[in-house]
Structure formats: structure tokens, C-alpha cells
């Protein structure tokens, strides 16, 4: 029996989704401000406009208009002395909006960035603290909802 072999060694391993960090371009943001348990909203989409042509009843024309991006949502255990949390509270409570840049970095085994998602002109939109419940032993989780203009993948 002859073994079938590939002419090259093909060992593609997709990246794991749990090895990442989030960096904020804020003064004094430290090690505790890069650790999050969940990042969502890494989506880009082209909006479209439709045009119905007179006399053509089989279809409508579709044209790309502009890119759209949902809010970036970050979740982590609540931090009591976080620069990021202070930035959000300052925006919501005092209406001092200081847009910044945020980088979400997907890391490899050597803790080096595989891909970097750069979010431009980020400002805090919403801050949510999980419910307190004496019947469970869950951690308090804060959810940060951030608006931004666009992001690019490097």
C-alpha cells in the first residue's frame, strides 16, 4: 500500500480567540487597563443604497454607499483604580469627552501581535456594572461600550 503524502508540510493552526490585549492611548494607563475577558464589535460592513429602474422589474440596482461600524464592547472584572474607568466616568458624569485611540491585539504563542485592530477617535458611550446578587459567587463585571469613527486591521 502506498501512502499519499502532500508535497509540502501543511500545518495551519488558526489563532486562538482568548489570547489578546486591549491598549488605550491614555496617559498613565497601566497593566490592569489592558486585560479584558471579552471584546466584541469587530465588524465592518458596507451600507448600500437601492435604485429601482423604470421598466426593469426583475431586480433593483444596489450601490455601495459607505462603511459602517458597530460599537466596540469590552468586558472585564471591575477595576477600582483604573485609568480607563476614570476616563469613562469623566465623560459620562462631567461631559468631558476626550477621544482616543484603542488597539485590540490578537497575540500568538510568543505573546506577539498576530493582528492589530486600530480604532480611531474612540469615545465612551456607555458603562454598565453587572447586577449584585448575594445568591451567586460571580465576579462584578463592567461592560464598556465605545463609539468610534472607524477601525483598520494591520
N, C-alpha and C. Protein backbone atom coordinates (compact mmCIF):
# COMPACT_ATOMS: atom_id res chain seq x y z
N UNK A 1 0.85 -1.17 0.00
CA UNK A 1 0.00 0.00 0.00
C UNK A 1 0.89 1.23 0.00
N UNK A 2 0.59 2.20 -0.83
CA UNK A 2 1.37 3.42 -0.95
C UNK A 2 0.69 4.52 -0.15
N UNK A 3 1.48 5.21 0.67
CA UNK A 3 0.92 6.31 1.46
C UNK A 3 0.85 7.56 0.61
N UNK A 4 -0.26 8.25 0.70
CA UNK A 4 -0.40 9.51 -0.01
C UNK A 4 0.18 10.61 0.87
N UNK A 5 1.14 11.34 0.34
CA UNK A 5 1.74 12.43 1.09
C UNK A 5 1.61 13.72 0.31
N UNK A 6 1.51 14.80 1.03
CA UNK A 6 1.46 16.11 0.40
C UNK A 6 2.87 16.53 0.03
N UNK A 7 3.02 17.31 -1.03
CA UNK A 7 4.36 17.74 -1.43
C UNK A 7 4.97 18.76 -0.48
N UNK A 8 4.23 19.22 0.48
CA UNK A 8 4.74 20.20 1.45
C UNK A 8 4.08 19.93 2.80
N UNK A 9 4.71 20.39 3.82
CA UNK A 9 4.15 20.22 5.17
C UNK A 9 3.12 21.33 5.41
N UNK A 10 1.88 20.95 5.55
CA UNK A 10 0.81 21.93 5.73
C UNK A 10 0.26 21.78 7.13
N UNK A 11 0.64 22.68 8.00
CA UNK A 11 0.17 22.63 9.38
C UNK A 11 -0.37 23.99 9.77
N UNK A 12 -1.50 24.37 9.21
CA UNK A 12 -2.12 25.64 9.54
C UNK A 12 -2.86 25.50 10.86
N UNK A 13 -2.56 26.40 11.76
CA UNK A 13 -3.22 26.43 13.06
C UNK A 13 -3.89 27.80 13.21
N UNK A 14 -5.22 27.87 13.18
CA UNK A 14 -5.86 29.17 13.35
C UNK A 14 -5.56 29.75 14.74
N UNK A 15 -5.54 31.06 14.84
CA UNK A 15 -5.23 31.66 16.15
C UNK A 15 -6.35 31.39 17.16
N UNK A 16 -5.97 31.38 18.42
CA UNK A 16 -6.94 31.20 19.49
C UNK A 16 -7.57 32.55 19.81
N UNK A 17 -8.81 32.55 20.21
CA UNK A 17 -9.52 33.82 20.45
C UNK A 17 -9.36 34.35 21.87
N UNK A 18 -8.71 33.59 22.74
CA UNK A 18 -8.60 34.02 24.13
C UNK A 18 -7.29 34.72 24.46
N UNK A 19 -6.38 34.82 23.51
CA UNK A 19 -5.06 35.42 23.78
C UNK A 19 -4.99 36.79 23.10
N UNK A 20 -5.39 37.82 23.83
CA UNK A 20 -5.44 39.17 23.27
C UNK A 20 -5.24 40.18 24.38
N UNK A 21 -5.02 41.41 23.98
CA UNK A 21 -4.98 42.52 24.93
C UNK A 21 -5.55 43.76 24.26
N UNK A 22 -5.94 44.73 25.08
CA UNK A 22 -6.54 45.98 24.61
C UNK A 22 -5.72 47.12 25.19
N UNK A 23 -5.24 48.01 24.33
CA UNK A 23 -4.45 49.15 24.79
C UNK A 23 -5.18 50.45 24.47
N UNK A 24 -5.12 51.38 25.42
CA UNK A 24 -5.72 52.70 25.27
C UNK A 24 -4.61 53.74 25.21
N UNK A 25 -4.76 54.72 24.34
CA UNK A 25 -3.80 55.82 24.25
C UNK A 25 -4.19 56.89 25.28
N UNK A 26 -4.12 56.49 26.54
CA UNK A 26 -4.44 57.38 27.66
C UNK A 26 -3.20 57.51 28.54
N UNK A 27 -2.90 58.71 29.03
CA UNK A 27 -1.75 58.84 29.93
C UNK A 27 -1.95 58.01 31.19
N UNK A 28 -0.92 57.35 31.63
CA UNK A 28 -0.90 56.55 32.86
C UNK A 28 -1.74 55.28 32.81
N UNK A 29 -2.19 54.87 31.61
CA UNK A 29 -2.89 53.58 31.51
C UNK A 29 -1.87 52.48 31.75
N UNK A 30 -2.17 51.58 32.69
CA UNK A 30 -1.20 50.57 33.10
C UNK A 30 -1.59 49.16 32.72
N UNK A 31 -0.92 48.20 33.35
CA UNK A 31 -1.13 46.79 33.08
C UNK A 31 -2.58 46.35 33.33
N UNK A 32 -3.22 46.90 34.32
CA UNK A 32 -4.59 46.49 34.62
C UNK A 32 -5.58 46.99 33.57
N UNK A 33 -5.19 47.97 32.78
CA UNK A 33 -6.09 48.53 31.77
C UNK A 33 -6.02 47.81 30.42
N UNK A 34 -5.21 46.76 30.29
CA UNK A 34 -5.12 46.04 29.02
C UNK A 34 -5.82 44.68 29.09
N UNK A 35 -6.25 44.29 30.27
CA UNK A 35 -6.82 42.96 30.44
C UNK A 35 -8.35 43.01 30.41
N UNK A 36 -8.91 42.33 29.43
CA UNK A 36 -10.35 42.22 29.30
C UNK A 36 -10.69 40.76 29.06
N UNK A 37 -11.88 40.39 29.45
CA UNK A 37 -12.28 38.99 29.25
C UNK A 37 -13.01 38.79 27.93
N UNK A 38 -13.52 39.89 27.36
CA UNK A 38 -14.28 39.76 26.11
C UNK A 38 -14.21 41.04 25.32
N UNK A 39 -14.06 40.89 24.01
CA UNK A 39 -14.10 42.01 23.07
C UNK A 39 -15.11 41.62 21.99
N UNK A 40 -16.05 42.51 21.70
CA UNK A 40 -16.99 42.24 20.61
C UNK A 40 -17.23 43.53 19.82
N UNK A 41 -17.71 43.37 18.61
CA UNK A 41 -17.95 44.52 17.74
C UNK A 41 -16.90 44.68 16.67
N UNK A 42 -16.09 43.64 16.44
CA UNK A 42 -15.08 43.70 15.39
C UNK A 42 -15.75 43.39 14.05
N UNK A 43 -16.53 44.34 13.59
CA UNK A 43 -17.31 44.15 12.37
C UNK A 43 -17.22 45.41 11.52
N UNK A 44 -17.03 45.22 10.22
CA UNK A 44 -17.14 46.32 9.28
C UNK A 44 -18.06 45.88 8.15
N UNK A 45 -18.86 46.82 7.69
CA UNK A 45 -19.88 46.48 6.71
C UNK A 45 -20.08 47.66 5.76
N UNK A 46 -20.36 47.36 4.51
CA UNK A 46 -20.70 48.42 3.55
C UNK A 46 -22.21 48.59 3.52
N UNK A 47 -22.65 49.81 3.74
CA UNK A 47 -24.07 50.11 3.58
C UNK A 47 -24.37 50.17 2.09
N UNK A 48 -25.63 49.99 1.76
CA UNK A 48 -26.00 50.02 0.36
C UNK A 48 -27.23 50.87 0.13
N UNK A 49 -27.33 51.35 -1.07
CA UNK A 49 -28.49 52.11 -1.50
C UNK A 49 -29.07 51.38 -2.70
N UNK A 50 -30.39 51.25 -2.73
CA UNK A 50 -31.02 50.57 -3.87
C UNK A 50 -31.70 51.58 -4.77
N UNK A 51 -31.74 51.24 -6.03
CA UNK A 51 -32.36 52.11 -7.02
C UNK A 51 -33.24 51.24 -7.91
N UNK A 52 -34.51 51.60 -7.99
CA UNK A 52 -35.45 50.88 -8.86
C UNK A 52 -35.51 51.60 -10.20
N UNK A 53 -35.10 50.90 -11.23
CA UNK A 53 -35.08 51.49 -12.57
C UNK A 53 -36.44 51.26 -13.22
N UNK A 54 -36.96 52.31 -13.82
CA UNK A 54 -38.24 52.19 -14.51
C UNK A 54 -38.12 51.24 -15.69
N UNK A 55 -39.04 50.32 -15.80
CA UNK A 55 -39.03 49.37 -16.91
C UNK A 55 -38.27 48.09 -16.60
N UNK A 56 -37.43 48.09 -15.59
CA UNK A 56 -36.70 46.88 -15.20
C UNK A 56 -37.33 46.32 -13.93
N UNK A 57 -38.13 45.28 -14.06
CA UNK A 57 -38.87 44.74 -12.92
C UNK A 57 -38.25 43.47 -12.34
N UNK A 58 -37.17 42.97 -12.94
CA UNK A 58 -36.56 41.73 -12.47
C UNK A 58 -35.71 41.94 -11.22
N UNK A 59 -35.16 43.15 -11.01
CA UNK A 59 -34.26 43.40 -9.89
C UNK A 59 -34.15 44.89 -9.63
N UNK A 60 -33.56 45.23 -8.52
CA UNK A 60 -33.21 46.63 -8.23
C UNK A 60 -31.69 46.72 -8.21
N UNK A 61 -31.19 47.86 -8.58
CA UNK A 61 -29.74 48.08 -8.56
C UNK A 61 -29.31 48.35 -7.12
N UNK A 62 -28.17 47.82 -6.76
CA UNK A 62 -27.63 48.04 -5.42
C UNK A 62 -26.25 48.68 -5.56
N UNK A 63 -26.04 49.77 -4.80
CA UNK A 63 -24.79 50.51 -4.86
C UNK A 63 -24.20 50.64 -3.46
N UNK A 64 -22.86 50.45 -3.34
CA UNK A 64 -22.24 50.68 -2.04
C UNK A 64 -22.22 52.17 -1.73
N UNK A 65 -22.47 52.51 -0.45
CA UNK A 65 -22.56 53.92 -0.06
C UNK A 65 -21.37 54.29 0.83
N UNK A 66 -21.26 53.65 1.99
CA UNK A 66 -20.19 53.96 2.95
C UNK A 66 -20.03 52.78 3.90
N UNK A 67 -18.92 52.77 4.58
CA UNK A 67 -18.68 51.73 5.58
C UNK A 67 -19.38 52.10 6.88
N UNK A 68 -19.81 51.09 7.61
CA UNK A 68 -20.39 51.33 8.93
C UNK A 68 -19.76 50.35 9.92
N UNK A 69 -19.70 50.77 11.17
CA UNK A 69 -19.04 50.01 12.22
C UNK A 69 -19.92 50.04 13.47
N UNK A 70 -20.18 48.87 14.07
CA UNK A 70 -20.93 48.88 15.33
C UNK A 70 -20.05 49.34 16.47
N UNK A 71 -20.63 49.56 17.63
CA UNK A 71 -19.85 49.96 18.81
C UNK A 71 -18.91 48.83 19.23
N UNK A 72 -17.79 49.22 19.81
CA UNK A 72 -16.84 48.27 20.37
C UNK A 72 -17.26 48.02 21.81
N UNK A 73 -17.42 46.76 22.19
CA UNK A 73 -17.84 46.41 23.54
C UNK A 73 -16.74 45.60 24.21
N UNK A 74 -16.34 46.05 25.40
CA UNK A 74 -15.30 45.40 26.18
C UNK A 74 -15.87 44.99 27.53
N UNK A 75 -15.52 43.79 27.98
CA UNK A 75 -15.97 43.31 29.29
C UNK A 75 -14.76 42.87 30.10
N UNK A 76 -14.82 43.17 31.40
CA UNK A 76 -13.75 42.76 32.31
C UNK A 76 -14.26 42.78 33.74
N UNK A 77 -13.49 42.17 34.63
CA UNK A 77 -13.78 42.28 36.04
C UNK A 77 -13.62 43.74 36.45
N UNK A 78 -14.49 44.20 37.32
CA UNK A 78 -14.48 45.62 37.69
C UNK A 78 -13.17 46.01 38.36
N UNK A 79 -12.61 47.13 37.93
CA UNK A 79 -11.35 47.67 38.48
C UNK A 79 -11.67 48.91 39.30
N UNK A 80 -11.12 49.01 40.49
CA UNK A 80 -11.42 50.15 41.36
C UNK A 80 -10.57 51.37 41.06
N UNK A 81 -9.35 51.20 40.58
CA UNK A 81 -8.49 52.35 40.32
C UNK A 81 -7.95 52.31 38.89
N UNK A 82 -8.84 52.21 37.94
CA UNK A 82 -8.47 52.08 36.54
C UNK A 82 -8.50 53.44 35.85
N UNK A 83 -7.48 53.71 35.05
CA UNK A 83 -7.44 54.94 34.25
C UNK A 83 -8.56 54.94 33.22
N UNK A 84 -8.83 53.78 32.63
CA UNK A 84 -9.90 53.67 31.62
C UNK A 84 -11.26 53.95 32.26
N UNK A 85 -11.51 53.39 33.44
CA UNK A 85 -12.79 53.62 34.12
C UNK A 85 -12.93 55.10 34.49
N UNK A 86 -11.84 55.74 34.91
CA UNK A 86 -11.89 57.17 35.23
C UNK A 86 -12.17 57.99 33.98
N UNK A 87 -11.60 57.61 32.84
CA UNK A 87 -11.85 58.28 31.55
C UNK A 87 -13.33 58.19 31.18
N UNK A 88 -13.93 57.03 31.41
CA UNK A 88 -15.35 56.84 31.08
C UNK A 88 -16.23 57.65 32.04
N UNK A 89 -15.94 57.57 33.32
CA UNK A 89 -16.75 58.32 34.30
C UNK A 89 -16.64 59.83 34.05
N UNK A 90 -15.46 60.32 33.70
CA UNK A 90 -15.28 61.73 33.41
C UNK A 90 -16.13 62.15 32.21
N UNK A 91 -16.24 61.28 31.22
CA UNK A 91 -17.05 61.58 30.05
C UNK A 91 -18.54 61.61 30.39
N UNK A 92 -18.99 60.61 31.11
CA UNK A 92 -20.43 60.49 31.39
C UNK A 92 -20.87 61.45 32.48
N UNK A 93 -20.13 61.54 33.57
CA UNK A 93 -20.56 62.37 34.70
C UNK A 93 -20.27 63.85 34.49
N UNK A 94 -19.14 64.18 33.87
CA UNK A 94 -18.74 65.59 33.73
C UNK A 94 -18.82 66.10 32.30
N UNK A 95 -19.20 65.23 31.37
CA UNK A 95 -19.29 65.53 29.95
C UNK A 95 -17.98 66.10 29.40
N UNK A 96 -16.87 65.51 29.86
CA UNK A 96 -15.55 65.82 29.34
C UNK A 96 -15.17 64.68 28.41
N UNK A 97 -15.42 64.90 27.12
CA UNK A 97 -15.19 63.86 26.11
C UNK A 97 -13.78 64.05 25.55
N UNK A 98 -12.94 63.05 25.74
CA UNK A 98 -11.56 63.07 25.24
C UNK A 98 -11.35 61.87 24.34
N UNK A 99 -11.64 62.00 23.03
CA UNK A 99 -11.45 60.86 22.12
C UNK A 99 -10.00 60.38 22.12
N UNK A 100 -9.84 59.09 21.96
CA UNK A 100 -8.51 58.48 21.98
C UNK A 100 -8.44 57.38 20.94
N UNK A 101 -7.30 56.73 20.88
CA UNK A 101 -7.10 55.58 20.00
C UNK A 101 -7.05 54.33 20.86
N UNK A 102 -7.64 53.25 20.37
CA UNK A 102 -7.64 51.98 21.07
C UNK A 102 -7.11 50.91 20.12
N UNK A 103 -6.23 50.07 20.65
CA UNK A 103 -5.70 48.96 19.87
C UNK A 103 -6.12 47.65 20.51
N UNK A 104 -6.72 46.77 19.70
CA UNK A 104 -7.02 45.41 20.14
C UNK A 104 -6.02 44.52 19.41
N UNK A 105 -5.22 43.79 20.19
CA UNK A 105 -4.15 42.98 19.61
C UNK A 105 -4.40 41.50 19.87
N UNK A 106 -4.51 40.74 18.78
CA UNK A 106 -4.61 39.29 18.86
C UNK A 106 -3.17 38.77 18.91
N UNK A 107 -2.86 37.95 19.92
CA UNK A 107 -1.47 37.54 20.17
C UNK A 107 -1.22 36.09 19.77
N UNK A 108 0.06 35.79 19.48
CA UNK A 108 0.47 34.42 19.17
C UNK A 108 1.03 33.75 20.42
N UNK A 109 1.64 32.59 20.24
CA UNK A 109 2.20 31.83 21.38
C UNK A 109 3.31 32.59 22.10
N UNK A 110 4.05 33.42 21.36
CA UNK A 110 5.16 34.18 21.95
C UNK A 110 4.70 35.53 22.48
N UNK A 111 3.40 35.74 22.59
CA UNK A 111 2.79 36.98 23.08
C UNK A 111 3.08 38.17 22.17
N UNK A 112 3.28 37.90 20.88
CA UNK A 112 3.49 38.95 19.88
C UNK A 112 2.21 39.14 19.09
N UNK A 113 1.93 40.35 18.62
CA UNK A 113 0.70 40.59 17.86
C UNK A 113 0.66 39.84 16.52
N UNK A 114 -0.39 39.09 16.31
CA UNK A 114 -0.66 38.48 15.01
C UNK A 114 -1.38 39.50 14.13
N UNK A 115 -2.37 40.14 14.71
CA UNK A 115 -3.11 41.21 14.04
C UNK A 115 -3.42 42.29 15.06
N UNK A 116 -3.41 43.52 14.58
CA UNK A 116 -3.75 44.65 15.43
C UNK A 116 -4.93 45.38 14.80
N UNK A 117 -5.95 45.61 15.58
CA UNK A 117 -7.13 46.35 15.16
C UNK A 117 -7.02 47.73 15.79
N UNK A 118 -6.90 48.75 14.96
CA UNK A 118 -6.72 50.12 15.45
C UNK A 118 -8.04 50.87 15.32
N UNK A 119 -8.59 51.29 16.44
CA UNK A 119 -9.86 52.02 16.48
C UNK A 119 -9.56 53.51 16.63
N UNK A 120 -10.13 54.31 15.74
CA UNK A 120 -9.80 55.73 15.64
C UNK A 120 -10.93 56.59 16.21
N UNK A 121 -10.53 57.62 16.98
CA UNK A 121 -11.46 58.60 17.54
C UNK A 121 -12.50 57.93 18.45
N UNK A 122 -12.02 57.16 19.40
CA UNK A 122 -12.88 56.40 20.31
C UNK A 122 -13.32 57.27 21.47
N UNK A 123 -14.61 57.18 21.80
CA UNK A 123 -15.13 57.90 22.97
C UNK A 123 -16.13 56.99 23.69
N UNK A 124 -16.20 57.13 25.02
CA UNK A 124 -17.07 56.25 25.81
C UNK A 124 -18.55 56.59 25.61
N UNK A 125 -19.31 55.57 25.36
CA UNK A 125 -20.74 55.76 25.12
C UNK A 125 -21.58 55.24 26.29
N UNK A 126 -21.14 54.13 26.88
CA UNK A 126 -21.95 53.51 27.93
C UNK A 126 -21.05 52.70 28.85
N UNK A 127 -21.39 52.69 30.13
CA UNK A 127 -20.69 51.90 31.14
C UNK A 127 -21.73 51.15 31.94
N UNK A 128 -21.59 49.84 32.03
CA UNK A 128 -22.57 49.01 32.73
C UNK A 128 -21.84 48.16 33.76
N UNK A 129 -22.38 48.10 34.97
CA UNK A 129 -21.86 47.23 36.02
C UNK A 129 -22.88 46.10 36.20
N UNK A 130 -22.38 44.87 36.27
CA UNK A 130 -23.28 43.72 36.41
C UNK A 130 -24.07 43.81 37.72
N UNK A 131 -25.16 43.08 37.75
CA UNK A 131 -26.03 43.07 38.93
C UNK A 131 -25.30 42.46 40.12
N UNK A 132 -25.61 42.95 41.30
CA UNK A 132 -25.11 42.36 42.54
C UNK A 132 -26.12 41.32 42.99
N UNK A 133 -25.63 40.12 43.33
CA UNK A 133 -26.53 39.04 43.70
C UNK A 133 -25.89 38.23 44.81
N UNK A 134 -26.48 38.21 45.97
CA UNK A 134 -25.92 37.51 47.12
C UNK A 134 -26.04 35.99 46.99
N UNK A 135 -26.81 35.50 46.02
CA UNK A 135 -27.01 34.07 45.88
C UNK A 135 -26.03 33.41 44.91
N UNK A 136 -25.17 34.19 44.30
CA UNK A 136 -24.17 33.63 43.39
C UNK A 136 -22.79 34.07 43.83
N UNK A 137 -21.78 33.44 43.28
CA UNK A 137 -20.40 33.81 43.62
C UNK A 137 -19.68 34.37 42.41
N UNK A 138 -20.41 35.12 41.59
CA UNK A 138 -19.84 35.70 40.38
C UNK A 138 -19.02 36.94 40.71
N UNK A 139 -18.07 37.25 39.82
CA UNK A 139 -17.34 38.50 39.92
C UNK A 139 -18.20 39.64 39.40
N UNK A 140 -17.93 40.84 39.87
CA UNK A 140 -18.59 42.02 39.32
C UNK A 140 -17.91 42.33 37.98
N UNK A 141 -18.71 42.43 36.94
CA UNK A 141 -18.19 42.66 35.59
C UNK A 141 -18.64 44.03 35.13
N UNK A 142 -17.68 44.79 34.57
CA UNK A 142 -18.05 46.06 33.97
C UNK A 142 -17.98 45.91 32.46
N UNK A 143 -18.96 46.50 31.79
CA UNK A 143 -19.03 46.47 30.34
C UNK A 143 -18.84 47.89 29.84
N UNK A 144 -17.90 48.06 28.92
CA UNK A 144 -17.62 49.36 28.34
C UNK A 144 -18.09 49.35 26.89
N UNK A 145 -18.95 50.28 26.55
CA UNK A 145 -19.42 50.40 25.18
C UNK A 145 -18.80 51.66 24.60
N UNK A 146 -18.02 51.51 23.54
CA UNK A 146 -17.26 52.61 22.97
C UNK A 146 -17.67 52.87 21.53
N UNK A 147 -17.91 54.13 21.21
CA UNK A 147 -18.20 54.53 19.84
C UNK A 147 -16.88 54.99 19.20
N UNK A 148 -16.81 54.93 17.89
CA UNK A 148 -15.60 55.33 17.18
C UNK A 148 -15.94 55.62 15.73
N UNK A 149 -15.01 56.25 15.01
CA UNK A 149 -15.25 56.58 13.60
C UNK A 149 -15.08 55.37 12.70
N UNK A 150 -13.95 54.69 12.83
CA UNK A 150 -13.66 53.51 12.00
C UNK A 150 -12.51 52.74 12.64
N UNK A 151 -12.27 51.54 12.14
CA UNK A 151 -11.08 50.81 12.54
C UNK A 151 -10.42 50.20 11.31
N UNK A 152 -9.14 49.93 11.46
CA UNK A 152 -8.40 49.28 10.38
C UNK A 152 -7.62 48.10 10.98
N UNK A 153 -7.34 47.12 10.13
CA UNK A 153 -6.62 45.94 10.55
C UNK A 153 -5.20 46.03 10.01
N UNK A 154 -4.21 45.93 10.90
CA UNK A 154 -2.81 45.99 10.50
C UNK A 154 -2.20 44.62 10.62
